[in-house]
C-alpha cells in the first residue's frame, strides 16, 4: 500500500472517529439510581443546615445577621451549579445551555420558578424563628410532613402519575401520622421543661449539682441548663406562647408544600404556557431563577427586620451586621448546604418525579440526630416524650423508604 492509498483509507475512516456534538449534551440525571443518589445527598445537606442556624442562634447571634449571610452563599451555590452542570456539553434545541436560555422567551416558566423561590424564602425565614420557639426536631417534623402531604400529592398529578400511587400514598399517610406525633412530642417536652423549671429554685438546683452552675457547666437537660441557654441565646423563649412557634411551623409547611410544584411547572410546563418552539427550562436554569427570587426577597425582609425586629429581638443596623463576624463562616456553610441540597433534590426530581424527590422531606431524621447530639434536645425528658419521639422517627423512616420506592422514570416528550 503506497502513501496515496493510505491517505484514502484515512479519509474514509476518519468520519467514524469524529465526535458527534449532539452526544455531548448537557449533563442531567436520567437513571433511577442516580436520582436516588441525589435524594440521599440532598437529605443529608438539607437536614444539616437548620442545625447550623440553630447552633448560631443558641450562641447569641442575631437571626437577621445569620440569614443574610446564609442567603448569600445559598444563591452562590445556584450560580455555581448553573455555570458548571448547566454549561457542560453542547447546547441542543430541546436542551439549551444555561447562558443561552437566559436570552430566550421563556418568561412564563421563569415566573413559576421565581414563585417557588419566594415560597421557599418565606418558609425558611419562618422556620428560623420556629427553631427557637418549638425546637429543631419538632419544627422540621411538622413542616416536612405538611410539605409531603400537600406538595407530594400535587406533584403526583403534575408529573402525569409516573409514581406508583399504591406505594406513594401510604408513604404520604405515614408523614401525616408524623405531623400529629410531632405536635404531641412538642407538648410533652414543653410540659417536661415546665416541670423541671418549677421543681426546684435555680440556686437550690445549682447546689444539688455540686456547684456546676457556677462554672457554666450545668447538666444537659436540667433546669439549670435551660436557664443558662436562655441567657446565651438571641431569641428569648421563656414566657412566650409556644403556639406562636407552632403557627410558624404550619405557615412554613404551607410555603414549603408549594415551592416544589412551582418548580415542577417551571421545568415541565404542564400547563402549556410557553410559546410553540420554546424549549422547557432546564433544571439548572430554573434553579438559578428560583434562587434569585429567594435571595432578593430574603435581603429585603431581613434588612427590614434589622430595624424592625420581632419576638423581642434587639434592633440592629447595616454597620452592626457587617462588623458581626462571630459565626459568619458557619452561616456561609449553612447557605451552601441548603443551596446544593435543593439543587440535588431538583436534579433527582426531574429524573424520577418530584413526588418521589419529596422523600428528602425526611430530613427531620438528620435534624433530630443533630438536635439530640449537639443541643441535648429531649435530654432528661419523660418516658412519654421518648415514646412519642421514637414513634415519630419510626414513621419518618418508613415514609422515606416508601416514597423512594415509588420513584418512576420521566418519559421524554
Protein backbone atom coordinates (compact mmCIF):
# COMPACT_ATOMS: atom_id res chain seq x y z
CA UNK A 1 0.00 0.00 0.00
CA UNK A 2 1.56 3.30 -1.10
CA UNK A 3 1.15 6.69 0.65
CA UNK A 4 -1.73 7.79 -1.60
CA UNK A 5 -3.71 4.64 -0.83
CA UNK A 6 -3.07 5.18 2.89
CA UNK A 7 -4.49 8.72 2.70
CA UNK A 8 -7.61 7.35 1.03
CA UNK A 9 -8.11 4.87 3.87
CA UNK A 10 -7.68 7.61 6.47
CA UNK A 11 -10.17 9.87 4.65
CA UNK A 12 -12.69 7.06 4.61
CA UNK A 13 -12.24 6.05 8.23
CA UNK A 14 -11.81 9.41 9.91
CA UNK A 15 -15.53 10.33 9.95
CA UNK A 16 -16.28 7.31 12.13
CA UNK A 17 -13.97 8.77 14.79
CA UNK A 18 -15.40 12.26 14.73
CA UNK A 19 -17.16 13.34 17.89
CA UNK A 20 -20.86 13.95 17.49
CA UNK A 21 -21.61 17.23 19.23
CA UNK A 22 -25.15 16.07 19.94
CA UNK A 23 -23.75 13.30 22.11
CA UNK A 24 -22.05 15.87 24.33
CA UNK A 25 -25.37 17.12 25.60
CA UNK A 26 -25.82 18.77 28.95
CA UNK A 27 -25.38 16.50 31.94
CA UNK A 28 -28.70 15.52 33.50
CA UNK A 29 -29.64 12.76 35.90
CA UNK A 30 -31.65 10.18 33.96
CA UNK A 31 -31.46 6.90 35.87
CA UNK A 32 -33.46 5.91 38.94
CA UNK A 33 -30.23 5.02 40.78
CA UNK A 34 -28.76 8.44 40.05
CA UNK A 35 -31.96 10.14 41.19
CA UNK A 36 -31.98 8.23 44.48
CA UNK A 37 -28.30 9.11 44.98
CA UNK A 38 -29.17 12.79 44.57
CA UNK A 39 -32.03 12.43 47.06
CA UNK A 40 -29.80 10.85 49.69
CA UNK A 41 -27.18 13.60 49.40
CA UNK A 42 -29.91 16.24 49.45
CA UNK A 43 -31.38 14.62 52.56
CA UNK A 44 -28.04 14.93 54.39
CA UNK A 45 -27.45 18.53 53.30
CA UNK A 46 -30.99 19.76 53.93
CA UNK A 47 -31.12 18.07 57.31
CA UNK A 48 -27.86 19.66 58.46
CA UNK A 49 -28.15 23.36 57.60
CA UNK A 50 -31.02 24.02 60.07
CA UNK A 51 -28.81 22.65 62.85
CA UNK A 52 -26.13 25.19 61.92
CA UNK A 53 -28.62 28.08 62.14
CA UNK A 54 -29.89 26.76 65.48
CA UNK A 55 -26.31 26.49 66.74
CA UNK A 56 -25.66 30.16 65.90
CA UNK A 57 -28.91 31.36 67.49
CA UNK A 58 -28.06 29.50 70.70
CA UNK A 59 -24.67 31.22 70.70
CA UNK A 60 -26.43 34.59 70.66
CA UNK A 61 -26.04 35.64 67.02
CA UNK A 62 -28.97 37.65 65.72
CA UNK A 63 -31.04 35.62 63.23
CA UNK A 64 -31.20 38.59 60.84
CA UNK A 65 -27.40 38.59 60.57
CA UNK A 66 -27.26 34.84 60.13
CA UNK A 67 -29.93 34.75 57.44
CA UNK A 68 -28.30 37.50 55.37
CA UNK A 69 -25.04 35.53 55.33
CA UNK A 70 -26.86 32.27 54.66
CA UNK A 71 -28.87 33.62 51.74
CA UNK A 72 -25.73 34.96 50.02
CA UNK A 73 -23.97 31.59 49.77
CA UNK A 74 -27.29 29.87 49.05
CA UNK A 75 -27.53 31.98 45.88
CA UNK A 76 -23.86 31.46 45.04
CA UNK A 77 -24.46 27.69 45.13
CA UNK A 78 -27.17 28.07 42.47
CA UNK A 79 -24.83 30.14 40.29
CA UNK A 80 -22.10 27.53 40.66
CA UNK A 81 -24.49 24.73 39.63
CA UNK A 82 -25.77 26.71 36.64
CA UNK A 83 -22.27 27.59 35.34
CA UNK A 84 -20.97 24.03 35.72
CA UNK A 85 -23.67 21.41 35.15
CA UNK A 86 -25.72 23.92 33.14
CA UNK A 87 -22.85 24.56 30.72
CA UNK A 88 -21.43 21.04 30.33
CA UNK A 89 -21.74 19.70 26.80
CA UNK A 90 -23.16 21.20 23.63
CA UNK A 91 -26.37 23.18 23.56
CA UNK A 92 -29.23 21.45 21.75
CA UNK A 93 -32.62 22.65 20.58
CA UNK A 94 -34.52 20.78 23.28
CA UNK A 95 -31.89 21.25 25.98
CA UNK A 96 -30.17 24.65 25.67
CA UNK A 97 -27.30 25.54 27.93
CA UNK A 98 -27.82 27.87 30.86
CA UNK A 99 -26.46 31.07 29.29
CA UNK A 100 -28.42 30.54 26.08
CA UNK A 101 -31.68 30.06 27.97
CA UNK A 102 -31.23 33.43 29.67
CA UNK A 103 -31.91 35.07 26.29
CA UNK A 104 -34.96 33.01 25.29
CA UNK A 105 -38.63 33.97 25.60
CA UNK A 106 -39.43 31.64 28.48
CA UNK A 107 -40.84 34.11 31.00
CA UNK A 108 -43.95 32.09 31.95
CA UNK A 109 -41.70 29.28 33.20
CA UNK A 110 -39.32 31.79 34.78
CA UNK A 111 -42.19 33.25 36.78
CA UNK A 112 -43.13 29.80 38.10
CA UNK A 113 -39.51 29.23 39.15
CA UNK A 114 -39.33 32.61 40.88
CA UNK A 115 -42.64 31.98 42.65
CA UNK A 116 -41.14 28.77 44.02
CA UNK A 117 -38.17 30.73 45.33
CA UNK A 118 -40.48 33.17 47.10
CA UNK A 119 -42.31 30.31 48.82
CA UNK A 120 -39.00 28.78 49.91
CA UNK A 121 -37.74 32.08 51.31
CA UNK A 122 -40.87 32.66 53.38
CA UNK A 123 -40.78 29.10 54.67
CA UNK A 124 -37.11 29.15 55.63
CA UNK A 125 -37.42 32.53 57.31
CA UNK A 126 -40.35 31.31 59.41
CA UNK A 127 -38.60 28.13 60.45
CA UNK A 128 -35.55 30.07 61.63
CA UNK A 129 -37.67 31.63 64.38
CA UNK A 130 -39.68 28.45 64.97
CA UNK A 131 -36.45 26.55 65.73
CA UNK A 132 -36.06 28.66 68.87
CA UNK A 133 -39.69 28.56 69.99
CA UNK A 134 -40.58 24.94 69.24
CA UNK A 135 -37.23 23.19 68.82
CA UNK A 136 -35.29 21.94 65.83
CA UNK A 137 -36.75 18.43 65.70
CA UNK A 138 -40.44 19.26 66.03
CA UNK A 139 -40.20 22.19 63.62
CA UNK A 140 -38.65 20.00 60.94
CA UNK A 141 -41.16 17.20 61.52
CA UNK A 142 -44.24 19.39 61.20
CA UNK A 143 -43.04 21.44 58.22
CA UNK A 144 -41.72 18.42 56.33
CA UNK A 145 -44.87 16.42 56.93
CA UNK A 146 -47.15 19.19 55.69
CA UNK A 147 -44.88 19.57 52.66
CA UNK A 148 -45.23 15.91 51.79
CA UNK A 149 -48.96 15.65 52.39
CA UNK A 150 -49.77 18.63 50.15
CA UNK A 151 -46.78 19.04 47.86
CA UNK A 152 -46.30 15.38 47.01
CA UNK A 153 -49.96 14.96 46.12
CA UNK A 154 -49.82 17.98 43.78
CA UNK A 155 -46.57 16.79 42.19
CA UNK A 156 -48.01 13.32 41.63
CA UNK A 157 -50.69 14.72 39.33
CA UNK A 158 -48.36 17.29 37.71
CA UNK A 159 -45.90 14.51 36.85
CA UNK A 160 -48.57 12.55 34.99
CA UNK A 161 -48.82 9.91 37.73
CA UNK A 162 -45.40 8.44 36.92
CA UNK A 163 -45.02 7.39 40.56
CA UNK A 164 -46.71 4.26 41.86
CA UNK A 165 -49.81 5.50 43.67
CA UNK A 166 -50.27 2.28 45.64
CA UNK A 167 -46.83 2.89 47.18
CA UNK A 168 -46.70 6.69 47.19
CA UNK A 169 -49.86 7.48 49.14
CA UNK A 170 -49.24 5.05 52.02
CA UNK A 171 -45.95 6.91 52.41
CA UNK A 172 -47.84 10.19 52.49
CA UNK A 173 -50.10 8.74 55.19
CA UNK A 174 -47.02 7.95 57.30
CA UNK A 175 -45.98 11.59 57.10
CA UNK A 176 -49.47 12.69 58.11
CA UNK A 177 -49.24 10.50 61.21
CA UNK A 178 -45.86 12.09 61.95
CA UNK A 179 -47.49 15.56 62.00
CA UNK A 180 -49.66 14.57 64.93
CA UNK A 181 -46.85 12.74 66.68
CA UNK A 182 -44.62 15.79 66.27
CA UNK A 183 -47.22 18.03 67.90
CA UNK A 184 -47.59 15.58 70.78
CA UNK A 185 -43.82 15.39 71.22
CA UNK A 186 -43.65 19.16 71.46
CA UNK A 187 -46.45 19.39 74.02
CA UNK A 188 -44.99 16.59 76.10
CA UNK A 189 -41.48 18.06 76.04
CA UNK A 190 -42.79 21.53 76.90
CA UNK A 191 -44.59 20.05 79.91
CA UNK A 192 -41.35 18.29 80.93
CA UNK A 193 -39.38 21.54 80.77
CA UNK A 194 -42.04 23.37 82.75
CA UNK A 195 -41.88 20.70 85.43
CA UNK A 196 -38.07 20.95 85.57
CA UNK A 197 -38.13 24.72 86.00
CA UNK A 198 -40.85 24.54 88.63
CA UNK A 199 -39.41 21.70 90.67
CA UNK A 200 -36.50 23.50 92.34
CA UNK A 201 -35.33 27.09 92.61
CA UNK A 202 -32.35 27.86 90.40
CA UNK A 203 -29.86 28.23 93.27
CA UNK A 204 -31.08 25.11 95.03
CA UNK A 205 -30.53 23.02 91.92
CA UNK A 206 -27.08 24.57 91.48
CA UNK A 207 -26.12 23.38 94.95
CA UNK A 208 -27.63 19.96 94.27
CA UNK A 209 -25.36 19.63 91.22
CA UNK A 210 -22.26 20.28 93.26
CA UNK A 211 -21.63 23.83 92.15
CA UNK A 212 -21.60 23.04 88.43
CA UNK A 213 -23.78 26.05 87.72
CA UNK A 214 -21.14 28.48 88.88
CA UNK A 215 -18.78 27.36 86.10
CA UNK A 216 -21.47 27.30 83.43
CA UNK A 217 -21.47 23.51 83.16
CA UNK A 218 -24.98 22.59 84.15
CA UNK A 219 -26.01 19.09 83.17
CA UNK A 220 -27.64 18.98 79.76
CA UNK A 221 -31.41 18.83 80.05
CA UNK A 222 -31.53 20.12 83.63
CA UNK A 223 -33.37 23.25 84.72
CA UNK A 224 -30.03 24.99 85.21
CA UNK A 225 -29.04 24.15 81.65
CA UNK A 226 -32.29 25.58 80.32
CA UNK A 227 -31.73 28.80 82.27
CA UNK A 228 -28.14 29.11 81.08
CA UNK A 229 -29.27 28.54 77.50
CA UNK A 230 -31.90 31.23 77.84
CA UNK A 231 -29.23 33.66 78.94
CA UNK A 232 -26.99 32.94 75.93
CA UNK A 233 -29.44 32.71 73.06
CA UNK A 234 -30.58 35.63 70.92
CA UNK A 235 -34.30 34.69 70.86
CA UNK A 236 -35.63 34.52 74.40
CA UNK A 237 -38.28 31.82 74.75
CA UNK A 238 -39.25 31.90 78.42
CA UNK A 239 -42.73 33.33 78.86
CA UNK A 240 -43.55 33.24 75.16
CA UNK A 241 -46.62 31.44 73.89
CA UNK A 242 -45.38 28.28 72.17
CA UNK A 243 -48.43 28.28 69.92
CA UNK A 244 -46.74 31.13 68.05
CA UNK A 245 -43.98 28.69 67.17
CA UNK A 246 -46.47 26.05 66.08
CA UNK A 247 -48.28 28.62 63.92
CA UNK A 248 -44.94 29.45 62.28
CA UNK A 249 -44.38 25.76 61.63
CA UNK A 250 -47.73 25.33 59.89
CA UNK A 251 -47.21 28.52 57.86
CA UNK A 252 -43.75 27.35 56.80
CA UNK A 253 -45.11 23.92 55.92
CA UNK A 254 -47.71 25.53 53.66
CA UNK A 255 -44.98 27.53 51.89
CA UNK A 256 -42.72 24.50 51.51
CA UNK A 257 -45.57 22.45 50.04
CA UNK A 258 -45.86 24.93 47.14
CA UNK A 259 -42.27 25.57 46.11
CA UNK A 260 -41.64 22.11 44.60
CA UNK A 261 -44.84 22.08 42.46
CA UNK A 262 -43.97 25.58 41.24
CA UNK A 263 -40.52 24.35 40.24
CA UNK A 264 -42.11 21.33 38.58
CA UNK A 265 -44.28 23.62 36.45
CA UNK A 266 -41.24 25.74 35.58
CA UNK A 267 -39.26 22.80 34.19
CA UNK A 268 -42.02 20.71 32.60
CA UNK A 269 -44.65 23.30 31.53
CA UNK A 270 -47.61 21.02 32.20
CA UNK A 271 -49.98 23.97 31.71
CA UNK A 272 -48.52 24.77 28.25
CA UNK A 273 -47.72 28.41 28.96
CA UNK A 274 -44.65 28.55 26.70
CA UNK A 275 -44.90 29.56 23.04
CA UNK A 276 -44.51 26.88 20.38
CA UNK A 277 -40.89 26.07 19.74
CA UNK A 278 -39.61 27.47 23.03
CA UNK A 279 -37.82 24.72 24.98
CA UNK A 280 -38.65 23.96 28.61
CA UNK A 281 -36.43 25.46 31.25
CA UNK A 282 -33.52 23.17 32.02
CA UNK A 283 -33.43 22.27 35.73
CA UNK A 284 -30.25 24.34 36.24
CA UNK A 285 -31.73 27.47 34.66
CA UNK A 286 -34.93 27.10 36.65
CA UNK A 287 -32.90 26.67 39.84
CA UNK A 288 -30.99 29.88 39.10
CA UNK A 289 -34.20 31.93 38.79
CA UNK A 290 -35.66 30.10 41.78
CA UNK A 291 -32.65 31.05 43.93
CA UNK A 292 -32.51 34.60 42.56
CA UNK A 293 -36.03 35.44 43.76
CA UNK A 294 -35.33 33.71 47.08
CA UNK A 295 -32.19 35.83 47.51
CA UNK A 296 -33.83 39.16 46.64
CA UNK A 297 -36.82 38.63 48.95
CA UNK A 298 -34.59 37.40 51.78
CA UNK A 299 -32.44 40.52 51.59
CA UNK A 300 -35.49 42.80 51.60
CA UNK A 301 -37.16 41.04 54.55
CA UNK A 302 -34.05 40.68 56.69
CA UNK A 303 -32.89 44.25 56.13
CA UNK A 304 -36.36 45.29 57.30
CA UNK A 305 -36.02 43.02 60.33
CA UNK A 306 -32.69 44.64 61.21
CA UNK A 307 -34.53 47.86 62.03
CA UNK A 308 -37.94 46.37 62.92
CA UNK A 309 -37.20 43.08 64.73
CA UNK A 310 -39.80 40.61 66.02
CA UNK A 311 -40.10 38.39 69.12
CA UNK A 312 -38.39 40.95 71.34
CA UNK A 313 -35.06 40.89 69.49
CA UNK A 314 -32.88 44.00 69.73
CA UNK A 315 -32.61 46.40 66.81
CA UNK A 316 -29.59 46.19 64.57
CA UNK A 317 -28.15 48.03 61.57
CA UNK A 318 -26.08 47.57 58.43
CA UNK A 319 -22.99 48.64 60.33
CA UNK A 320 -23.62 46.11 63.09
CA UNK A 321 -24.29 43.38 60.54
CA UNK A 322 -21.12 43.96 58.53
CA UNK A 323 -18.99 44.05 61.67
CA UNK A 324 -20.53 40.85 63.12
CA UNK A 325 -18.04 38.11 62.21
CA UNK A 326 -18.93 35.87 65.14
CA UNK A 327 -20.17 32.72 63.41
CA UNK A 328 -20.29 34.19 59.90
CA UNK A 329 -18.34 31.28 58.47
CA UNK A 330 -20.88 28.81 59.84
CA UNK A 331 -23.72 30.85 58.31
CA UNK A 332 -21.94 30.70 54.95
CA UNK A 333 -21.65 26.91 55.30
CA UNK A 334 -25.39 26.65 56.06
CA UNK A 335 -26.21 28.54 52.86
CA UNK A 336 -24.02 26.26 50.76
CA UNK A 337 -25.56 23.15 52.29
CA UNK A 338 -29.08 24.39 51.61
CA UNK A 339 -28.25 25.57 48.08
CA UNK A 340 -26.60 22.36 46.96
CA UNK A 341 -29.24 20.31 48.81
CA UNK A 342 -32.08 21.99 46.93
CA UNK A 343 -30.21 21.66 43.66
CA UNK A 344 -29.70 17.92 44.16
CA UNK A 345 -33.37 17.50 45.11
CA UNK A 346 -34.48 19.12 41.85
CA UNK A 347 -31.95 17.15 39.78
CA UNK A 348 -33.33 13.92 41.22
CA UNK A 349 -36.92 15.08 40.84
CA UNK A 350 -36.51 15.87 37.16
CA UNK A 351 -35.43 12.27 36.58
CA UNK A 352 -37.64 10.22 38.89
CA UNK A 353 -40.56 12.54 39.54
CA UNK A 354 -40.86 15.40 42.01
CA UNK A 355 -43.30 13.42 44.12
CA UNK A 356 -40.63 10.80 44.82
CA UNK A 357 -37.99 13.52 45.30
CA UNK A 358 -40.05 14.79 48.21
CA UNK A 359 -38.51 11.87 50.10
CA UNK A 360 -35.86 14.42 51.10
CA UNK A 361 -38.52 15.84 53.41
CA UNK A 362 -37.45 13.04 55.74
CA UNK A 363 -34.68 15.48 56.65
CA UNK A 364 -36.02 15.61 60.26
CA UNK A 365 -34.24 12.28 60.73
CA UNK A 366 -30.96 14.12 60.21
CA UNK A 367 -32.05 17.27 62.06
CA UNK A 368 -33.25 15.26 65.05
CA UNK A 369 -29.89 13.49 65.17
CA UNK A 370 -28.10 16.85 65.31
CA UNK A 371 -30.66 18.21 67.77
CA UNK A 372 -30.06 15.39 70.21
CA UNK A 373 -26.30 15.18 69.67
CA UNK A 374 -25.45 18.90 69.66
CA UNK A 375 -28.23 20.58 71.60
CA UNK A 376 -29.37 17.94 74.06
CA UNK A 377 -32.98 18.09 72.91
CA UNK A 378 -35.20 15.73 74.93
CA UNK A 379 -32.41 15.04 77.40
CA UNK A 380 -33.84 14.18 80.85
CA UNK A 381 -37.38 14.14 79.42
CA UNK A 382 -40.22 11.86 80.49
CA UNK A 383 -40.81 8.34 79.24
CA UNK A 384 -43.91 9.57 77.43
CA UNK A 385 -41.82 12.05 75.44
CA UNK A 386 -39.32 9.36 74.49
CA UNK A 387 -42.06 7.00 73.33
CA UNK A 388 -43.63 9.71 71.18
CA UNK A 389 -40.22 10.70 69.79
CA UNK A 390 -39.45 7.08 68.83
CA UNK A 391 -42.82 6.75 67.14
CA UNK A 392 -42.28 9.99 65.21
CA UNK A 393 -38.87 8.88 63.93
CA UNK A 394 -40.20 5.42 63.04
CA UNK A 395 -42.91 6.96 60.88
CA UNK A 396 -40.29 9.03 59.08
CA UNK A 397 -38.03 6.05 58.43
CA UNK A 398 -40.94 4.11 56.97
CA UNK A 399 -42.13 7.09 54.95
CA UNK A 400 -38.79 7.88 53.31
CA UNK A 401 -38.35 4.26 52.22
CA UNK A 402 -41.86 4.09 50.81
CA UNK A 403 -41.53 7.41 48.95
CA UNK A 404 -38.23 6.36 47.35
CA UNK A 405 -39.76 3.01 46.38
CA UNK A 406 -42.49 4.87 44.48
CA UNK A 407 -39.96 6.52 42.15
CA UNK A 408 -40.75 6.25 38.45
CA UNK A 409 -38.94 7.38 35.34
CA UNK A 410 -39.94 10.51 33.47
CA UNK A 411 -40.67 9.88 29.80
CA UNK A 412 -39.09 12.22 27.31
CA UNK A 413 -41.57 14.13 25.25
